[in-house]
Amino acid sequence: MKFVAVYANWADFVFNKDYNLPTLQEVEQHIEEEEGLLKESLVLKK
């Protein structure tokens, strides 16, 4: 039997009750400025 270890840096803090999700307008602006959602800056700025 083989096991594979997966390490990920999940942004699970976005599920906290006091976390403010960005608006759709903020997400759209971020996509336009950063050319995608791959950068963590949108999540980390909140």
N, C-alpha and C. Protein backbone atom coordinates (compact mmCIF):
# COMPACT_ATOMS: atom_id res chain seq x y z
N MET A 1 0.84 -1.17 0.00
CA MET A 1 0.00 0.00 0.00
C MET A 1 0.89 1.24 0.00
N LYS A 2 0.54 2.23 -0.85
CA LYS A 2 1.28 3.49 -0.93
C LYS A 2 0.46 4.61 -0.32
N PHE A 3 1.15 5.52 0.34
CA PHE A 3 0.52 6.72 0.88
C PHE A 3 1.16 7.94 0.25
N VAL A 4 0.35 8.93 0.00
CA VAL A 4 0.85 10.18 -0.55
C VAL A 4 0.56 11.28 0.44
N ALA A 5 1.58 12.01 0.81
CA ALA A 5 1.41 13.13 1.73
C ALA A 5 1.15 14.40 0.93
N VAL A 6 0.11 15.09 1.28
CA VAL A 6 -0.23 16.33 0.58
C VAL A 6 -0.16 17.48 1.58
N TYR A 7 0.63 18.46 1.25
CA TYR A 7 0.76 19.63 2.09
C TYR A 7 0.20 20.83 1.32
N ALA A 8 -0.71 21.52 1.93
CA ALA A 8 -1.31 22.66 1.26
C ALA A 8 -1.48 23.80 2.25
N ASN A 9 -1.41 24.99 1.73
CA ASN A 9 -1.61 26.18 2.54
C ASN A 9 -3.03 26.69 2.28
N TRP A 10 -4.01 26.05 2.90
CA TRP A 10 -5.41 26.39 2.69
C TRP A 10 -5.77 27.63 3.46
N ALA A 11 -6.62 28.42 2.89
CA ALA A 11 -7.10 29.65 3.54
C ALA A 11 -8.38 29.34 4.32
N ASP A 12 -8.29 28.42 5.28
CA ASP A 12 -9.49 28.02 6.00
C ASP A 12 -9.99 29.09 6.95
N PHE A 13 -9.20 30.15 7.18
CA PHE A 13 -9.65 31.22 8.05
C PHE A 13 -10.84 31.97 7.45
N VAL A 14 -11.10 31.81 6.16
CA VAL A 14 -12.23 32.49 5.55
C VAL A 14 -13.57 31.94 6.05
N PHE A 15 -13.53 30.82 6.77
CA PHE A 15 -14.76 30.24 7.32
C PHE A 15 -15.05 30.76 8.73
N ASN A 16 -14.16 31.58 9.28
CA ASN A 16 -14.41 32.16 10.60
C ASN A 16 -15.60 33.11 10.52
N LYS A 17 -16.39 33.14 11.57
CA LYS A 17 -17.58 33.99 11.57
C LYS A 17 -17.27 35.47 11.42
N ASP A 18 -16.12 35.90 11.90
CA ASP A 18 -15.77 37.32 11.84
C ASP A 18 -14.99 37.71 10.59
N TYR A 19 -14.79 36.78 9.66
CA TYR A 19 -14.08 37.10 8.42
C TYR A 19 -15.03 37.78 7.43
N ASN A 20 -14.61 38.89 6.88
CA ASN A 20 -15.41 39.62 5.90
C ASN A 20 -15.01 39.19 4.50
N LEU A 21 -15.89 38.48 3.82
CA LEU A 21 -15.60 38.08 2.45
C LEU A 21 -15.59 39.30 1.54
N PRO A 22 -14.71 39.30 0.54
CA PRO A 22 -14.70 40.43 -0.39
C PRO A 22 -15.99 40.44 -1.22
N THR A 23 -16.39 41.61 -1.64
CA THR A 23 -17.58 41.73 -2.48
C THR A 23 -17.25 41.22 -3.88
N LEU A 24 -18.27 40.98 -4.66
CA LEU A 24 -18.05 40.55 -6.04
C LEU A 24 -17.32 41.63 -6.83
N GLN A 25 -17.60 42.90 -6.53
CA GLN A 25 -16.90 43.99 -7.20
C GLN A 25 -15.41 43.98 -6.86
N GLU A 26 -15.08 43.69 -5.60
CA GLU A 26 -13.67 43.61 -5.21
C GLU A 26 -12.98 42.44 -5.90
N VAL A 27 -13.68 41.32 -6.01
CA VAL A 27 -13.11 40.15 -6.69
C VAL A 27 -12.90 40.46 -8.16
N GLU A 28 -13.88 41.08 -8.79
CA GLU A 28 -13.75 41.44 -10.20
C GLU A 28 -12.58 42.40 -10.43
N GLN A 29 -12.45 43.39 -9.56
CA GLN A 29 -11.34 44.35 -9.67
C GLN A 29 -10.00 43.64 -9.50
N HIS A 30 -9.93 42.73 -8.54
CA HIS A 30 -8.69 41.98 -8.31
C HIS A 30 -8.33 41.13 -9.54
N ILE A 31 -9.32 40.48 -10.13
CA ILE A 31 -9.08 39.65 -11.32
C ILE A 31 -8.52 40.52 -12.45
N GLU A 32 -9.10 41.70 -12.62
CA GLU A 32 -8.63 42.60 -13.68
C GLU A 32 -7.21 43.09 -13.41
N GLU A 33 -6.93 43.47 -12.16
CA GLU A 33 -5.61 44.01 -11.83
C GLU A 33 -4.53 42.95 -11.80
N GLU A 34 -4.83 41.78 -11.27
CA GLU A 34 -3.83 40.73 -11.09
C GLU A 34 -3.89 39.66 -12.17
N GLU A 35 -4.82 39.80 -13.10
CA GLU A 35 -5.01 38.86 -14.20
C GLU A 35 -5.31 37.45 -13.71
N GLY A 36 -6.08 37.35 -12.64
CA GLY A 36 -6.50 36.04 -12.14
C GLY A 36 -6.66 36.03 -10.64
N LEU A 37 -6.96 34.84 -10.13
CA LEU A 37 -7.18 34.66 -8.70
C LEU A 37 -6.04 33.91 -8.01
N LEU A 38 -4.96 33.64 -8.71
CA LEU A 38 -3.90 32.80 -8.15
C LEU A 38 -3.14 33.48 -7.02
N LYS A 39 -3.10 34.77 -7.01
CA LYS A 39 -2.35 35.47 -5.96
C LYS A 39 -3.21 35.54 -4.70
N GLU A 40 -2.58 35.43 -3.55
CA GLU A 40 -3.29 35.40 -2.28
C GLU A 40 -3.59 36.79 -1.75
N SER A 41 -3.21 37.82 -2.44
CA SER A 41 -3.35 39.17 -1.90
C SER A 41 -4.79 39.53 -1.60
N LEU A 42 -5.74 39.04 -2.37
CA LEU A 42 -7.14 39.37 -2.13
C LEU A 42 -7.60 38.77 -0.82
N VAL A 43 -7.21 37.55 -0.54
CA VAL A 43 -7.61 36.89 0.69
C VAL A 43 -6.87 37.50 1.87
N LEU A 44 -5.60 37.80 1.72
CA LEU A 44 -4.79 38.25 2.83
C LEU A 44 -5.04 39.71 3.21
N LYS A 45 -5.61 40.51 2.30
CA LYS A 45 -5.79 41.92 2.63
C LYS A 45 -6.93 42.14 3.59
N LYS A 46 -7.81 41.20 3.75
CA LYS A 46 -8.98 41.36 4.63
C LYS A 46 -8.63 41.12 6.07
